[in-house]
N, C-alpha and C. Protein backbone atom coordinates (compact mmCIF):
# COMPACT_ATOMS: atom_id res chain seq x y z
N UNK A 1 -65.98 18.87 59.06
CA UNK A 1 -64.08 19.15 59.15
C UNK A 1 -63.94 18.83 60.71
N UNK A 2 -63.06 18.42 60.89
CA UNK A 2 -62.90 18.31 61.90
C UNK A 2 -61.71 19.24 62.33
N UNK A 3 -61.22 20.16 61.63
CA UNK A 3 -60.49 21.22 62.11
C UNK A 3 -61.28 22.97 61.42
N UNK A 4 -60.15 23.69 61.78
CA UNK A 4 -60.91 24.57 61.48
C UNK A 4 -60.54 25.31 59.70
N UNK A 5 -61.36 26.14 58.96
CA UNK A 5 -60.73 25.82 57.19
C UNK A 5 -58.77 25.61 57.85
N UNK A 6 -58.28 27.04 58.40
CA UNK A 6 -56.66 26.81 57.99
C UNK A 6 -56.10 26.12 58.56
N UNK A 7 -56.32 25.44 59.40
CA UNK A 7 -55.53 24.48 59.75
C UNK A 7 -55.72 23.14 59.06
N UNK A 8 -56.46 22.78 58.40
CA UNK A 8 -57.58 21.87 57.79
C UNK A 8 -56.26 21.98 56.20
N UNK A 9 -56.51 23.47 55.68
CA UNK A 9 -55.79 23.59 54.36
C UNK A 9 -54.14 23.22 54.83
N UNK A 10 -53.78 23.58 55.90
CA UNK A 10 -52.38 23.56 55.96
C UNK A 10 -51.91 21.45 56.15
N UNK A 11 -52.97 20.59 57.05
CA UNK A 11 -52.79 20.07 57.04
C UNK A 11 -52.54 19.52 55.35
N UNK A 12 -53.50 19.74 55.05
CA UNK A 12 -52.79 19.40 53.23
C UNK A 12 -52.39 19.30 52.41
N UNK A 13 -52.03 20.83 52.49
CA UNK A 13 -50.58 20.79 51.95
C UNK A 13 -49.04 19.90 51.89
N UNK A 14 -49.70 19.43 53.73
CA UNK A 14 -48.34 18.82 54.23
C UNK A 14 -48.89 17.43 53.00
N UNK A 15 -49.63 17.19 53.01
CA UNK A 15 -50.44 15.51 53.17
C UNK A 15 -49.64 15.43 51.40
N UNK A 16 -49.75 17.08 50.38
CA UNK A 16 -49.15 16.66 49.43
C UNK A 16 -48.35 16.24 48.98
N UNK A 17 -46.97 16.40 49.91
CA UNK A 17 -45.45 15.96 50.15
C UNK A 17 -45.36 15.36 50.24
N UNK A 18 -44.13 14.27 49.70
CA UNK A 18 -43.63 12.66 48.59
C UNK A 18 -43.64 12.48 50.25
N UNK A 19 -44.08 11.21 50.23
CA UNK A 19 -44.22 9.97 51.44
C UNK A 19 -44.98 10.46 52.84
N UNK A 20 -45.59 11.02 53.41
CA UNK A 20 -46.57 12.09 54.00
C UNK A 20 -47.89 11.38 53.78
N UNK A 21 -48.58 10.73 54.85
CA UNK A 21 -49.54 11.15 54.74
C UNK A 21 -50.51 11.88 55.84
N UNK A 22 -51.45 11.35 56.48
CA UNK A 22 -52.85 12.47 56.71
C UNK A 22 -51.66 12.09 58.64
N UNK A 23 -51.18 10.84 59.37
CA UNK A 23 -51.42 11.75 60.33
C UNK A 23 -50.06 12.34 60.59
N UNK A 24 -48.71 12.06 59.96
CA UNK A 24 -47.74 13.11 59.60
C UNK A 24 -48.32 14.11 59.49
N UNK A 25 -48.72 14.30 58.53
CA UNK A 25 -49.64 16.16 57.74
C UNK A 25 -49.98 16.20 59.15
N UNK A 26 -50.94 15.90 60.11
CA UNK A 26 -51.31 16.49 61.11
C UNK A 26 -50.28 17.08 61.90
N UNK A 27 -49.03 16.30 62.61
CA UNK A 27 -47.91 16.27 63.46
C UNK A 27 -47.39 17.59 62.73
N UNK A 28 -46.85 17.90 61.28
CA UNK A 28 -46.33 18.19 60.98
C UNK A 28 -47.33 19.88 60.95
N UNK A 29 -48.37 19.51 60.88
CA UNK A 29 -49.21 21.16 60.84
C UNK A 29 -49.38 21.93 62.53
N UNK A 30 -49.51 20.81 63.13
CA UNK A 30 -49.84 20.95 65.28
C UNK A 30 -47.72 21.71 65.66
N UNK A 31 -47.10 21.40 65.11
CA UNK A 31 -45.50 21.06 65.47
C UNK A 31 -45.83 23.31 64.59
N UNK A 32 -45.71 23.15 63.24
CA UNK A 32 -46.15 24.16 62.81
C UNK A 32 -46.97 25.18 63.41
N UNK A 33 -47.65 25.42 64.01
CA UNK A 33 -48.55 26.18 64.67
C UNK A 33 -47.96 26.29 66.07
N UNK A 34 -47.81 25.58 67.04
CA UNK A 34 -46.79 26.00 68.27
C UNK A 34 -45.58 26.26 68.74
N UNK A 35 -44.91 26.23 67.33
CA UNK A 35 -43.32 26.85 66.86
C UNK A 35 -43.70 28.32 66.54
N UNK A 36 -42.36 29.91 67.25
CA UNK A 36 -42.88 30.31 66.76
C UNK A 36 -41.62 30.51 66.20
N UNK A 37 -40.70 29.78 65.62
CA UNK A 37 -40.21 29.73 64.54
C UNK A 37 -40.38 29.50 62.43
N UNK A 38 -41.69 29.19 63.02
CA UNK A 38 -42.54 28.47 62.00
C UNK A 38 -42.43 29.45 60.31
N UNK A 39 -42.49 30.67 61.04
CA UNK A 39 -42.52 31.85 60.14
C UNK A 39 -41.51 32.46 59.35
N UNK A 40 -40.13 31.67 59.53
CA UNK A 40 -38.96 31.62 59.31
C UNK A 40 -39.23 31.00 58.43
N UNK A 41 -39.84 29.50 58.13
CA UNK A 41 -39.49 28.34 57.26
C UNK A 41 -41.06 28.54 56.50
N UNK A 42 -41.54 29.55 56.38
CA UNK A 42 -42.66 30.05 55.77
C UNK A 42 -42.25 30.95 54.79
N UNK A 43 -41.07 31.98 55.09
CA UNK A 43 -40.49 32.77 54.20
C UNK A 43 -39.06 32.41 53.77
N UNK A 44 -38.94 30.96 54.35
CA UNK A 44 -37.33 30.26 53.40
C UNK A 44 -38.74 29.71 52.31
N UNK A 45 -39.39 29.18 52.21
CA UNK A 45 -40.27 28.27 51.49
C UNK A 45 -40.70 29.79 50.15
N UNK A 46 -41.36 30.89 50.55
CA UNK A 46 -41.27 32.00 49.22
C UNK A 46 -40.28 32.63 48.90
N UNK A 47 -39.03 32.23 49.59
CA UNK A 47 -38.11 33.08 49.52
C UNK A 47 -37.54 31.79 47.81
N UNK A 48 -37.58 30.45 48.62
CA UNK A 48 -37.44 29.69 47.22
C UNK A 48 -38.25 29.61 46.24
N UNK A 49 -39.61 29.57 46.49
CA UNK A 49 -39.88 29.37 45.26
C UNK A 49 -40.26 31.01 44.14
N UNK A 50 -39.94 32.16 44.75
CA UNK A 50 -38.97 33.24 44.51
C UNK A 50 -37.58 33.57 43.69
N UNK A 51 -36.78 32.77 43.97
CA UNK A 51 -35.37 33.28 43.71
C UNK A 51 -34.35 31.80 43.14
N UNK A 52 -35.34 30.90 43.55
CA UNK A 52 -34.56 29.86 42.80
C UNK A 52 -34.86 29.33 41.40
N UNK A 53 -34.07 28.63 40.09
CA UNK A 53 -34.44 28.50 38.88
C UNK A 53 -34.16 27.37 38.44
N UNK A 54 -33.69 26.89 37.44
CA UNK A 54 -32.92 25.47 37.00
C UNK A 54 -31.68 26.03 35.98
N UNK A 55 -31.14 25.44 36.46
CA UNK A 55 -29.39 25.96 35.58
C UNK A 55 -30.15 25.96 33.92
N UNK A 56 -29.03 26.95 32.92
CA UNK A 56 -30.12 27.02 31.35
C UNK A 56 -29.27 26.16 31.28
N UNK A 57 -27.56 25.19 31.78
CA UNK A 57 -26.96 24.06 31.19
C UNK A 57 -27.95 22.68 32.00
N UNK A 58 -27.54 22.61 33.02
CA UNK A 58 -27.75 21.25 33.34
C UNK A 58 -28.83 21.06 33.83
N UNK A 59 -29.36 21.88 34.33
CA UNK A 59 -31.03 21.32 34.90
C UNK A 59 -31.13 21.83 36.31
N UNK A 60 -29.82 21.79 37.62
CA UNK A 60 -29.70 21.84 38.43
C UNK A 60 -30.40 23.47 39.03
N UNK A 61 -30.81 23.30 40.73
CA UNK A 61 -31.13 24.83 41.21
C UNK A 61 -30.11 25.67 41.41
N UNK A 62 -30.60 26.72 40.81
CA UNK A 62 -29.32 27.90 41.23
C UNK A 62 -30.07 28.76 41.17
N UNK A 63 -29.55 30.20 41.87
CA UNK A 63 -29.80 31.86 41.86
C UNK A 63 -29.79 32.49 40.75
N UNK A 64 -29.17 31.59 40.17
CA UNK A 64 -28.33 32.22 38.48
C UNK A 64 -29.10 32.16 37.34
N UNK A 65 -28.16 32.29 35.87
CA UNK A 65 -28.55 31.32 34.69
C UNK A 65 -28.13 29.93 34.83
N UNK A 66 -27.29 30.53 35.59
CA UNK A 66 -26.14 28.89 35.53
C UNK A 66 -25.44 28.60 37.16
N UNK A 67 -25.28 27.52 37.37
CA UNK A 67 -24.99 27.51 38.48
C UNK A 67 -23.28 26.70 38.78
N UNK A 68 -23.07 27.00 40.11
CA UNK A 68 -22.01 27.39 40.19
C UNK A 68 -20.71 25.76 39.46
N UNK A 69 -21.39 24.81 39.08
CA UNK A 69 -20.41 23.86 38.33
C UNK A 69 -20.14 24.39 37.09
N UNK A 70 -21.32 24.65 36.69
CA UNK A 70 -21.32 25.07 35.19
C UNK A 70 -20.81 26.11 34.63
N UNK A 71 -20.54 27.19 35.84
CA UNK A 71 -19.62 28.70 35.51
C UNK A 71 -18.82 28.23 35.79
N UNK A 72 -18.02 26.71 36.08
CA UNK A 72 -16.45 27.18 36.99
C UNK A 72 -16.21 26.22 35.44
N UNK A 73 -14.73 27.03 34.75
CA UNK A 73 -14.15 26.73 33.70
C UNK A 73 -13.22 25.82 33.95
N UNK A 74 -12.59 25.09 34.87
CA UNK A 74 -12.14 24.24 35.43
C UNK A 74 -12.93 23.23 35.34
N UNK A 75 -13.68 22.70 34.93
CA UNK A 75 -14.61 21.45 34.62
C UNK A 75 -14.59 20.50 33.54
N UNK A 76 -14.52 19.16 34.25
CA UNK A 76 -14.35 18.60 32.27
C UNK A 76 -15.87 18.73 31.74
N UNK A 77 -16.05 20.01 30.53
CA UNK A 77 -16.84 19.89 30.44
C UNK A 77 -17.22 18.65 29.13
N UNK A 78 -16.65 17.56 28.80
CA UNK A 78 -16.66 16.89 28.39
C UNK A 78 -16.92 15.32 29.15
N UNK A 79 -17.11 15.48 30.25
CA UNK A 79 -17.52 14.00 31.24
C UNK A 79 -18.72 14.55 31.68
N UNK A 80 -19.91 14.17 31.91
CA UNK A 80 -21.09 14.67 32.32
C UNK A 80 -21.83 13.33 32.76
N UNK A 81 -21.77 13.47 34.49
CA UNK A 81 -22.64 12.78 34.93
C UNK A 81 -24.34 12.93 34.79
N UNK A 82 -25.09 12.02 35.05
CA UNK A 82 -26.84 12.09 34.71
C UNK A 82 -27.01 11.75 36.32
N UNK A 83 -27.73 12.06 36.93
CA UNK A 83 -28.37 12.29 38.60
C UNK A 83 -29.63 12.45 38.00
N UNK A 84 -30.45 11.88 39.04
CA UNK A 84 -31.65 11.86 39.23
C UNK A 84 -32.30 13.55 39.91
N UNK A 85 -31.42 14.19 40.97
CA UNK A 85 -32.20 14.82 41.78
C UNK A 85 -30.60 15.97 42.29
N UNK A 86 -31.26 17.05 42.33
CA UNK A 86 -30.05 18.38 43.36
C UNK A 86 -29.29 17.79 44.61
N UNK A 87 -29.49 17.00 45.17
CA UNK A 87 -29.17 16.59 46.48
C UNK A 87 -28.09 15.40 45.88
N UNK A 88 -28.36 14.69 44.50
CA UNK A 88 -27.18 13.77 44.27
C UNK A 88 -25.72 14.74 43.95
N UNK A 89 -26.12 15.74 42.99
CA UNK A 89 -24.68 16.27 42.82
C UNK A 89 -24.00 16.86 44.42
N UNK A 90 -25.05 17.13 45.29
CA UNK A 90 -24.51 17.69 46.38
C UNK A 90 -23.43 16.55 46.25
N UNK A 91 -23.92 15.43 47.10
CA UNK A 91 -23.39 14.79 47.24
C UNK A 91 -21.93 14.34 46.94
N UNK A 92 -21.97 14.24 45.99
CA UNK A 92 -20.89 14.72 45.39
C UNK A 92 -19.95 15.60 44.76
N UNK A 93 -20.25 15.89 45.24
CA UNK A 93 -19.68 17.33 45.30
C UNK A 93 -18.62 17.48 46.59
N UNK A 94 -19.98 16.88 47.59
CA UNK A 94 -19.13 17.51 49.46
C UNK A 94 -18.18 16.09 49.12
N UNK A 95 -18.44 14.68 48.16
CA UNK A 95 -17.29 14.06 48.41
C UNK A 95 -16.15 14.24 47.67
N UNK A 96 -16.17 15.37 47.05
CA UNK A 96 -15.09 16.06 46.21
C UNK A 96 -14.76 14.82 45.11
N UNK A 97 -15.09 13.45 44.35
CA UNK A 97 -14.65 12.78 43.81
C UNK A 97 -14.59 13.30 42.25
N UNK A 98 -15.55 14.04 41.87
CA UNK A 98 -15.48 14.18 40.63
C UNK A 98 -15.77 15.57 40.00
N UNK A 99 -14.84 15.47 39.06
CA UNK A 99 -14.77 17.23 38.47
C UNK A 99 -15.66 16.86 37.04
N UNK A 100 -15.97 15.85 36.57
CA UNK A 100 -16.75 16.67 35.69
C UNK A 100 -17.65 17.61 35.68
N UNK A 101 -18.84 17.54 35.15
CA UNK A 101 -20.17 18.44 34.94
C UNK A 101 -21.44 17.01 35.68
N UNK A 102 -22.83 18.01 35.20
CA UNK A 102 -23.53 17.17 35.29
C UNK A 102 -24.95 17.39 34.77
N UNK A 103 -25.86 16.37 34.52
CA UNK A 103 -27.50 16.70 34.13
C UNK A 103 -27.90 15.99 35.21
N UNK A 104 -29.15 17.52 35.64
CA UNK A 104 -30.04 16.77 36.66
C UNK A 104 -31.20 16.60 36.22
N UNK A 105 -31.51 15.35 36.26
CA UNK A 105 -33.20 15.32 35.46
C UNK A 105 -34.39 15.45 36.45
N UNK A 106 -34.09 15.60 38.37
CA UNK A 106 -34.98 16.27 38.27
C UNK A 106 -36.43 15.26 38.66
N UNK A 107 -35.96 14.09 39.00
CA UNK A 107 -36.50 12.82 39.14
C UNK A 107 -35.98 11.22 38.51
N UNK A 108 -36.41 10.12 38.63
CA UNK A 108 -36.96 8.69 38.12
C UNK A 108 -37.91 8.51 37.46
N UNK A 109 -37.79 7.22 36.74
CA UNK A 109 -38.65 7.48 35.39
C UNK A 109 -39.52 6.08 36.79
N UNK A 110 -40.78 6.76 37.11
CA UNK A 110 -41.43 6.11 37.97
C UNK A 110 -43.15 5.72 37.47
N UNK A 111 -43.41 5.55 36.66
CA UNK A 111 -45.03 5.84 35.91
C UNK A 111 -45.98 5.48 36.78
N UNK A 112 -45.46 4.44 37.43
CA UNK A 112 -46.74 4.02 39.01
C UNK A 112 -46.50 4.83 40.13
N UNK A 113 -46.14 5.85 39.82
CA UNK A 113 -45.80 6.58 40.92
C UNK A 113 -46.39 8.06 40.25
N UNK A 114 -46.44 8.03 38.90
CA UNK A 114 -47.12 9.39 38.66
C UNK A 114 -45.94 10.64 38.07
N UNK A 115 -44.44 9.57 37.71
CA UNK A 115 -43.28 10.33 37.02
C UNK A 115 -43.22 9.35 35.82
N UNK A 116 -43.36 10.46 34.73
CA UNK A 116 -43.25 9.92 33.67
C UNK A 116 -42.37 10.57 33.20
N UNK A 117 -41.39 10.79 32.09
CA UNK A 117 -40.96 10.63 30.84
C UNK A 117 -40.90 11.80 30.52
N UNK A 118 -41.83 12.45 30.12
CA UNK A 118 -41.73 13.44 30.13
C UNK A 118 -41.82 14.85 31.00
N UNK A 119 -41.92 14.78 32.64
CA UNK A 119 -41.81 15.13 33.47
C UNK A 119 -40.55 14.85 33.78
N UNK A 120 -39.06 14.50 33.08
CA UNK A 120 -37.26 14.18 33.82
C UNK A 120 -37.15 15.40 31.88
N UNK A 121 -35.63 16.11 32.75
CA UNK A 121 -35.12 16.84 32.13
C UNK A 121 -34.01 16.04 30.74
N UNK A 122 -34.63 15.18 30.29
CA UNK A 122 -34.13 14.06 28.82
C UNK A 122 -34.13 14.94 28.14
N UNK A 123 -34.94 15.98 27.15
CA UNK A 123 -34.42 16.35 26.11
C UNK A 123 -33.08 17.20 26.31
N UNK A 124 -33.75 18.48 27.36
CA UNK A 124 -32.51 19.46 27.04
C UNK A 124 -30.99 18.71 27.50
N UNK A 125 -30.72 17.05 28.02
CA UNK A 125 -29.75 16.66 28.15
C UNK A 125 -29.63 16.26 25.95
N UNK A 126 -30.37 15.83 25.47
CA UNK A 126 -30.03 14.78 24.55
C UNK A 126 -29.85 16.24 23.89
N UNK A 127 -30.08 17.26 23.80
CA UNK A 127 -29.68 18.56 23.14
C UNK A 127 -28.01 19.11 23.94
N UNK A 128 -28.00 18.24 24.68
CA UNK A 128 -26.73 18.81 25.16
C UNK A 128 -25.96 18.28 24.15
N UNK A 129 -25.94 17.16 24.24
CA UNK A 129 -25.06 15.56 23.58
C UNK A 129 -24.94 15.81 21.98
N UNK A 130 -26.12 16.22 21.57
CA UNK A 130 -26.06 17.05 20.05
C UNK A 130 -25.16 17.46 19.83
N UNK A 131 -24.44 18.57 20.37
CA UNK A 131 -23.38 19.68 20.58
C UNK A 131 -22.18 19.04 20.23
N UNK A 132 -22.03 18.10 20.51
CA UNK A 132 -20.53 17.38 20.35
C UNK A 132 -19.26 17.68 20.88
N UNK A 133 -19.62 18.03 22.15
CA UNK A 133 -18.60 18.24 23.12
C UNK A 133 -18.52 17.42 23.93
N UNK A 134 -19.96 16.45 24.29
CA UNK A 134 -19.75 15.39 25.48
C UNK A 134 -18.90 14.49 24.78
N UNK A 135 -17.98 13.50 25.86
CA UNK A 135 -17.65 12.78 25.03
C UNK A 135 -17.64 10.97 25.51
N UNK A 136 -18.50 11.49 27.15
CA UNK A 136 -18.81 10.13 27.94
C UNK A 136 -20.24 10.96 29.43
N UNK A 137 -20.65 10.01 29.05
CA UNK A 137 -21.52 10.29 29.50
C UNK A 137 -22.39 9.43 30.37
N UNK A 138 -21.73 9.74 32.52
CA UNK A 138 -22.33 9.03 33.51
C UNK A 138 -23.42 8.61 33.56
N UNK A 139 -23.82 7.53 33.79
CA UNK A 139 -25.22 7.03 34.00
C UNK A 139 -25.36 6.56 35.95
N UNK A 140 -25.74 8.36 36.37
CA UNK A 140 -25.23 8.16 38.00
C UNK A 140 -26.88 7.91 39.34
N UNK A 141 -27.40 7.51 38.03
CA UNK A 141 -28.93 7.22 38.96
C UNK A 141 -28.87 5.95 39.80
N UNK A 142 -29.52 6.45 41.25
CA UNK A 142 -29.52 5.66 42.37
C UNK A 142 -29.50 3.64 41.90
N UNK A 143 -29.22 3.18 42.38
CA UNK A 143 -28.91 1.82 42.48
C UNK A 143 -29.67 1.33 42.73
N UNK A 144 -31.66 0.86 42.36
CA UNK A 144 -32.52 1.20 43.11
C UNK A 144 -33.43 0.58 41.84
N UNK A 145 -34.94 0.31 42.10
CA UNK A 145 -35.32 -0.17 41.00
C UNK A 145 -35.68 1.06 40.28
N UNK A 146 -35.88 1.86 40.63
CA UNK A 146 -36.42 2.89 39.44
C UNK A 146 -35.09 3.45 39.08
N UNK A 147 -33.75 4.35 40.16
CA UNK A 147 -32.53 3.65 39.49
C UNK A 147 -32.18 3.68 38.10
N UNK A 148 -32.39 1.79 38.03
CA UNK A 148 -31.79 1.12 36.86
C UNK A 148 -32.88 1.35 35.59
N UNK A 149 -34.83 1.62 36.24
CA UNK A 149 -35.54 1.98 35.21
C UNK A 149 -35.37 3.35 34.28
N UNK A 150 -34.18 4.25 34.80
CA UNK A 150 -34.11 5.50 34.34
C UNK A 150 -32.77 6.00 34.06
N UNK A 151 -31.62 4.51 34.19
CA UNK A 151 -30.85 4.40 33.58
C UNK A 151 -30.93 4.25 32.25
N UNK A 152 -32.24 3.09 32.08
CA UNK A 152 -32.73 2.13 30.66
C UNK A 152 -32.86 3.06 29.78
N UNK A 153 -33.64 4.61 30.45
CA UNK A 153 -34.85 5.10 29.42
C UNK A 153 -33.74 5.56 29.10
N UNK A 154 -32.36 6.84 29.96
CA UNK A 154 -31.54 7.57 28.92
C UNK A 154 -30.90 6.96 28.48
N UNK A 155 -30.36 5.45 28.55
CA UNK A 155 -29.29 4.55 27.53
C UNK A 155 -30.23 4.58 26.23
N UNK A 156 -31.36 4.25 25.95
CA UNK A 156 -32.19 4.51 24.71
C UNK A 156 -32.22 5.79 24.10
N UNK A 157 -32.21 6.40 24.40
CA UNK A 157 -32.46 7.80 24.54
C UNK A 157 -31.28 7.97 23.18
N UNK A 158 -30.37 7.99 24.67
CA UNK A 158 -28.89 8.63 23.52
C UNK A 158 -28.53 7.36 22.08
N UNK A 159 -29.13 6.40 22.44
CA UNK A 159 -29.41 5.39 21.39
C UNK A 159 -29.61 6.10 20.43
N UNK A 160 -30.28 6.30 20.21
CA UNK A 160 -31.33 7.41 19.35
C UNK A 160 -30.73 8.11 18.76
N UNK A 161 -29.82 9.17 19.09
CA UNK A 161 -28.77 9.82 18.74
C UNK A 161 -28.08 9.55 17.41
N UNK A 162 -27.57 8.25 17.05
CA UNK A 162 -26.65 7.82 16.69
C UNK A 162 -24.93 8.31 16.66
N UNK A 163 -24.67 8.60 17.60
CA UNK A 163 -23.59 9.78 18.38
C UNK A 163 -22.68 8.37 18.34
N UNK A 164 -21.64 7.65 17.43
CA UNK A 164 -21.58 6.67 17.65
C UNK A 164 -19.79 6.71 18.48
N UNK A 165 -19.25 8.11 18.77
CA UNK A 165 -18.08 8.56 19.13
C UNK A 165 -18.53 8.66 20.84
N UNK A 166 -19.88 8.11 21.43
CA UNK A 166 -20.42 8.36 22.55
C UNK A 166 -19.75 7.57 23.53
N UNK A 167 -19.35 7.89 24.64
CA UNK A 167 -18.65 6.98 25.26
C UNK A 167 -20.32 6.66 26.65
N UNK A 168 -20.39 5.68 26.91
CA UNK A 168 -21.88 5.65 28.28
C UNK A 168 -21.26 4.71 28.92
N UNK A 169 -20.67 5.27 30.19
CA UNK A 169 -21.13 4.21 31.68
C UNK A 169 -21.92 4.22 32.41
N UNK A 170 -21.83 3.51 33.30
CA UNK A 170 -22.37 3.33 34.41
C UNK A 170 -22.17 3.56 35.76
N UNK A 171 -22.27 4.14 36.64
CA UNK A 171 -21.43 3.99 37.97
C UNK A 171 -21.26 2.10 38.34
N UNK A 172 -20.07 1.45 38.72
CA UNK A 172 -19.79 0.56 39.46
C UNK A 172 -21.15 -0.37 40.14
N UNK A 173 -21.24 -1.33 40.33
CA UNK A 173 -21.98 -2.27 40.98
C UNK A 173 -21.34 -1.75 42.45
N UNK A 174 -20.66 -1.41 42.95
CA UNK A 174 -19.86 -1.50 44.10
C UNK A 174 -20.94 -0.72 45.27
N UNK A 175 -21.70 0.16 44.76
CA UNK A 175 -22.94 0.89 45.25
C UNK A 175 -23.87 0.01 45.65
N UNK A 176 -24.07 -0.23 47.05
CA UNK A 176 -25.37 -1.66 48.36
C UNK A 176 -26.40 -0.68 47.22
N UNK A 177 -26.39 -1.75 46.61
CA UNK A 177 -28.18 -2.16 46.15
C UNK A 177 -29.39 -1.57 46.40
N UNK A 178 -30.58 -1.06 46.53
CA UNK A 178 -31.03 -0.45 47.38
C UNK A 178 -30.74 0.58 48.01
N UNK A 179 -29.42 1.11 48.28
CA UNK A 179 -29.53 2.37 49.09
C UNK A 179 -29.37 4.02 47.62
N UNK A 180 -28.88 5.01 48.66
CA UNK A 180 -29.66 6.41 48.13
C UNK A 180 -28.47 7.04 48.07
N UNK A 181 -28.02 8.23 46.52
CA UNK A 181 -26.15 8.08 47.05
C UNK A 181 -26.02 9.13 48.14
N UNK A 182 -26.95 10.47 48.14
CA UNK A 182 -26.62 11.24 49.17
C UNK A 182 -26.13 10.35 50.27
N UNK A 183 -26.92 9.07 50.74
CA UNK A 183 -25.81 9.43 51.95
C UNK A 183 -25.26 7.79 51.62
N UNK A 184 -24.13 7.75 50.94
CA UNK A 184 -22.91 6.70 50.82
C UNK A 184 -21.60 8.04 51.25
N UNK A 185 -20.70 7.29 52.00
CA UNK A 185 -19.09 8.31 52.03
C UNK A 185 -18.03 8.25 50.77
N UNK A 186 -18.07 9.27 51.60
CA UNK A 186 -16.96 9.53 50.03
C UNK A 186 -15.75 8.35 49.61
N UNK A 187 -15.96 7.17 50.17
CA UNK A 187 -14.82 6.03 49.20
C UNK A 187 -15.99 4.83 48.66
N UNK A 188 -17.03 5.26 48.82
CA UNK A 188 -17.83 4.47 48.19
C UNK A 188 -18.16 5.01 46.69
N UNK A 189 -18.61 6.14 47.17
CA UNK A 189 -18.65 6.79 45.71
C UNK A 189 -17.81 6.99 44.78
N UNK A 190 -15.80 7.40 45.89
CA UNK A 190 -14.67 7.16 44.58
C UNK A 190 -14.71 5.90 43.78
N UNK A 191 -15.00 5.24 44.81
CA UNK A 191 -14.57 3.97 43.94
C UNK A 191 -15.81 3.50 43.11
N UNK A 192 -16.92 4.14 42.85
CA UNK A 192 -18.37 3.64 42.52
C UNK A 192 -17.83 4.53 40.67
N UNK A 193 -17.00 5.83 41.19
CA UNK A 193 -16.87 6.50 39.79
C UNK A 193 -16.01 5.67 38.96
N UNK A 194 -14.74 4.97 39.84
CA UNK A 194 -13.62 4.86 39.01
C UNK A 194 -13.21 3.61 38.37
N UNK A 195 -14.72 2.43 39.11
CA UNK A 195 -14.99 1.48 38.80
C UNK A 195 -16.05 1.73 37.64
N UNK A 196 -17.22 2.04 37.26
CA UNK A 196 -17.24 2.70 36.71
C UNK A 196 -17.44 1.26 35.04
N UNK A 197 -18.62 1.00 34.65
CA UNK A 197 -18.18 0.15 33.55
C UNK A 197 -18.97 0.75 32.73
N UNK A 198 -18.57 0.27 31.46
CA UNK A 198 -18.85 0.76 30.32
C UNK A 198 -21.12 -0.48 29.58
N UNK A 199 -21.29 1.10 29.62
CA UNK A 199 -22.53 0.42 28.62
C UNK A 199 -22.51 0.47 26.89
N UNK A 200 -21.18 1.30 26.76
CA UNK A 200 -21.38 1.26 25.50
C UNK A 200 -20.84 1.76 24.78
N UNK A 201 -19.12 1.66 24.17
CA UNK A 201 -18.48 1.86 23.87
C UNK A 201 -18.47 2.41 22.82
N UNK A 202 -17.34 3.48 22.36
CA UNK A 202 -16.73 4.07 21.32
C UNK A 202 -15.75 3.53 20.36
N UNK A 203 -16.87 3.51 19.20
CA UNK A 203 -16.57 2.85 18.09
C UNK A 203 -15.57 3.64 16.69
N UNK A 204 -15.05 2.61 16.48
CA UNK A 204 -13.76 3.26 15.77
C UNK A 204 -14.75 3.67 14.64
């Protein structure tokens, strides 16, 4: 073993993070060791693990039983945007272009990367839809290969409910292909929401 056991364990912990290889993990580990403020990072991680939880309704991260959006009576509970991650909720909220509610899948359907259907908060979404209050479901996943696969997965699951009155839409293709929602500015998000296209229309 090239490093003492505590350092090697730290490197391995960083290496388990998405997109972090061995070299990057080593750089992060040694940055932590030489930075006196790293203990604050450790406390922040511990605090988040202890205190953060998932919203009982939309599965977003929050500190109580319900997130701020689901607790807001002014939001349109009949319109729900399905997003992959909490950061996508943050991006849409920061832009201020959407007044409905959300459902956070906590990932994208990507079997080759280890994210299977059962890893996503799909069952809780279907349970919400069975209640009948939701009129429109907006598939607001990223416009990349994984996002499109996730949107198809959600659509197939929703079709199985047999709700003829439910409108299912997808964010307009004005979103740049291959981009991520959290990096888009307000105008792009606003256009994408306004020009969303139907995947399934309400039947008479």
